[in-house]
Amino acid sequence: MKNHRIDNNPNFKESSNSPLIDDLDKDIINALVIDARISYAELGKKFKVSPATIHVRVEKMKKSGIITGHKLTVEPKKLGFGVCCFIGITLKSAGDYPEVLERLEEIDEVVEAYYTTGAYSVFTKIYCHSIEELHWLLVDKIQSIEKIRATDTIISLQNPIHRAISL
């Protein structure tokens, strides 16, 4: 039995920018999240609709920006990236965000960055080969960005929950 957080939450109010999708759209998304290579024919058979219906629904969701692409995922540790960490970044001024983001985009080891509220202005996810490489990255690349006031590094020990959103 599916546990729909939103459906079960009496405090949830759909925002004005929430897309209107029905149960078939949700089922298609959930199936594609599990296997993005599944054919429209297989999806049609699974959901008892024609492959053309699946195609039209997927194209509609692409056009509306719900589906933004298909991507390959890799296991960083298998490629030698043994250190995953998160770096909370405090900026000298909120106005420094665009320039700092531009500089962070130039650093290959930064795989995700978020503009946040709270203690940090920016929160990044980093993959490195070693602690020594992380040290070099912090000192020579990140902390040397003039508009950064301070950083706080959190090293991930494991990633026991890794999933896409559930619809």
Protein backbone atom coordinates (compact mmCIF):
# COMPACT_ATOMS: atom_id res chain seq x y z
CA MET A 1 0.00 0.00 0.00
CA LYS A 2 1.36 3.40 -1.01
CA ASN A 3 1.88 6.00 1.67
CA HIS A 4 1.14 9.34 0.04
CA ARG A 5 2.52 11.98 2.38
CA ILE A 6 0.47 14.74 0.82
CA ASP A 7 -2.77 12.76 0.68
CA ASN A 8 -2.40 11.80 4.35
CA ASN A 9 -1.37 15.23 5.60
CA PRO A 10 -4.38 17.40 6.60
CA ASN A 11 -2.13 20.48 6.71
CA PHE A 12 -1.03 20.16 3.08
CA LYS A 13 -2.31 22.81 0.74
CA GLU A 14 -1.37 22.56 -2.89
CA SER A 15 0.50 25.69 -3.96
CA SER A 16 -0.61 27.69 -6.95
CA ASN A 17 2.41 26.47 -8.92
CA SER A 18 1.80 22.77 -8.17
CA PRO A 19 1.24 21.00 -11.48
CA LEU A 20 -2.05 19.25 -12.03
CA ILE A 21 -1.21 15.63 -12.66
CA ASP A 22 -3.46 12.64 -12.25
CA ASP A 23 -2.83 9.15 -10.92
CA LEU A 24 -1.68 7.85 -14.32
CA ASP A 25 0.90 10.63 -14.58
CA LYS A 26 2.11 9.78 -11.06
CA ASP A 27 2.31 6.08 -11.94
CA ILE A 28 4.29 6.88 -15.10
CA ILE A 29 6.72 9.09 -13.16
CA ASN A 30 7.20 6.47 -10.44
CA ALA A 31 7.85 3.76 -13.06
CA LEU A 32 10.33 5.95 -14.96
CA VAL A 33 12.17 6.86 -11.75
CA ILE A 34 12.71 3.14 -11.13
CA ASP A 35 13.70 2.40 -14.75
CA ALA A 36 14.06 5.33 -17.15
CA ARG A 37 14.71 2.88 -20.00
CA ILE A 38 11.34 1.12 -19.79
CA SER A 39 9.50 1.30 -23.12
CA TYR A 40 6.21 3.07 -23.64
CA ALA A 41 4.77 -0.29 -24.74
CA GLU A 42 5.73 -1.87 -21.41
CA LEU A 43 4.31 1.08 -19.49
CA GLY A 44 1.10 0.94 -21.52
CA LYS A 45 0.71 -2.74 -20.77
CA LYS A 46 1.43 -2.20 -17.08
CA PHE A 47 -1.11 0.62 -16.74
CA LYS A 48 -3.64 -0.77 -19.26
CA VAL A 49 -3.44 2.12 -21.71
CA SER A 50 -1.95 2.45 -25.18
CA PRO A 51 1.73 3.25 -25.74
CA ALA A 52 0.51 6.40 -27.54
CA THR A 53 -1.22 7.53 -24.34
CA ILE A 54 2.03 7.04 -22.42
CA HIS A 55 3.92 8.99 -25.10
CA VAL A 56 1.45 11.89 -24.97
CA ARG A 57 1.55 11.99 -21.16
CA VAL A 58 5.37 11.92 -21.02
CA GLU A 59 5.65 14.65 -23.66
CA LYS A 60 3.11 16.78 -21.76
CA MET A 61 5.13 16.39 -18.57
CA LYS A 62 8.36 17.24 -20.42
CA LYS A 63 6.78 20.34 -21.93
CA SER A 64 5.48 21.50 -18.53
CA GLY A 65 8.91 20.97 -16.92
CA ILE A 66 7.88 18.10 -14.64
CA ILE A 67 10.17 15.67 -16.45
CA THR A 68 13.47 17.40 -17.12
CA GLY A 69 15.49 14.56 -18.62
CA HIS A 70 16.90 11.11 -18.15
CA LYS A 71 20.23 10.61 -16.47
CA LEU A 72 22.79 7.96 -15.81
CA THR A 73 23.77 7.46 -12.19
CA VAL A 74 27.14 6.15 -11.06
CA GLU A 75 28.59 4.97 -7.76
CA PRO A 76 31.28 7.55 -6.88
CA LYS A 77 33.21 5.15 -4.60
CA LYS A 78 33.63 2.69 -7.49
CA LEU A 79 35.32 5.53 -9.39
CA GLY A 80 37.72 6.30 -6.55
CA PHE A 81 35.80 9.13 -4.90
CA GLY A 82 36.02 7.83 -1.33
CA VAL A 83 35.06 11.05 0.46
CA CYS A 84 31.63 12.62 0.28
CA CYS A 85 31.09 15.74 2.32
CA PHE A 86 28.85 18.72 2.69
CA ILE A 87 30.19 22.23 3.13
CA GLY A 88 28.09 24.95 4.69
CA ILE A 89 29.25 28.31 3.40
CA THR A 90 28.66 31.66 5.09
CA LEU A 91 28.92 34.63 2.76
CA LYS A 92 30.23 38.06 3.70
CA SER A 93 27.05 39.55 2.22
CA ALA A 94 23.87 38.11 0.66
CA GLY A 95 24.67 40.11 -2.45
CA ASP A 96 27.82 38.01 -2.91
CA TYR A 97 25.78 34.91 -3.78
CA PRO A 98 25.90 35.20 -7.61
CA GLU A 99 29.67 35.67 -7.68
CA VAL A 100 30.31 32.85 -5.19
CA LEU A 101 28.01 30.51 -7.12
CA GLU A 102 29.88 31.34 -10.32
CA ARG A 103 33.18 30.42 -8.66
CA LEU A 104 31.75 27.21 -7.15
CA GLU A 105 30.51 26.15 -10.61
CA GLU A 106 34.16 26.16 -11.75
CA ILE A 107 35.10 23.53 -9.12
CA ASP A 108 34.49 20.04 -10.53
CA GLU A 109 34.31 18.42 -7.09
CA VAL A 110 31.21 20.48 -6.23
CA VAL A 111 28.36 18.28 -7.47
CA GLU A 112 25.44 20.12 -5.85
CA ALA A 113 24.88 23.57 -4.40
CA TYR A 114 21.86 25.01 -2.63
CA TYR A 115 21.04 28.61 -1.68
CA THR A 116 19.63 28.18 1.82
CA THR A 117 18.16 29.83 4.88
CA GLY A 118 19.58 29.29 8.33
CA ALA A 119 23.18 29.15 9.46
CA TYR A 120 24.62 28.89 5.93
CA SER A 121 23.97 30.91 2.80
CA VAL A 122 25.09 28.08 0.53
CA PHE A 123 25.23 24.35 1.20
CA THR A 124 27.31 22.23 -1.18
CA LYS A 125 27.89 18.54 -1.76
CA ILE A 126 31.44 17.55 -2.65
CA TYR A 127 33.12 14.34 -3.81
CA CYS A 128 36.90 13.90 -3.36
CA HIS A 129 39.33 11.01 -3.67
CA SER A 130 40.82 11.48 -0.19
CA ILE A 131 40.90 13.62 2.94
CA GLU A 132 44.13 15.17 1.63
CA GLU A 133 42.36 16.21 -1.56
CA LEU A 134 39.48 17.61 0.51
CA HIS A 135 41.96 19.65 2.56
CA TRP A 136 43.54 21.03 -0.62
CA LEU A 137 40.11 21.76 -2.08
CA LEU A 138 39.02 23.66 1.02
CA VAL A 139 42.18 25.72 1.43
CA ASP A 140 43.13 26.38 -2.19
CA LYS A 141 39.78 26.52 -3.96
CA ILE A 142 36.83 27.19 -1.68
CA GLN A 143 38.15 29.21 1.26
CA SER A 144 40.21 31.30 -1.13
CA ILE A 145 37.03 32.73 -2.67
CA GLU A 146 37.14 36.30 -1.38
CA LYS A 147 33.38 36.67 -0.77
CA ILE A 148 33.22 33.63 1.54
CA ARG A 149 33.33 34.51 5.25
CA ALA A 150 33.51 30.96 6.66
CA THR A 151 32.95 27.29 5.88
CA ASP A 152 31.84 24.31 7.94
CA THR A 153 32.64 20.84 6.61
CA ILE A 154 30.56 17.76 7.39
CA ILE A 155 31.95 14.42 6.20
CA SER A 156 29.39 11.78 5.27
CA LEU A 157 30.02 8.38 6.83
CA GLN A 158 27.32 6.62 4.79
CA ASN A 159 24.22 7.31 2.69
CA PRO A 160 21.66 4.77 3.94
CA ILE A 161 18.64 6.45 2.33
CA HIS A 162 18.88 7.37 -1.33
CA ARG A 163 15.65 7.73 -3.26
CA ALA A 164 13.64 9.92 -5.54
CA ILE A 165 10.53 11.70 -4.35
CA SER A 166 7.48 9.50 -3.98
CA LEU A 167 4.26 10.58 -5.64
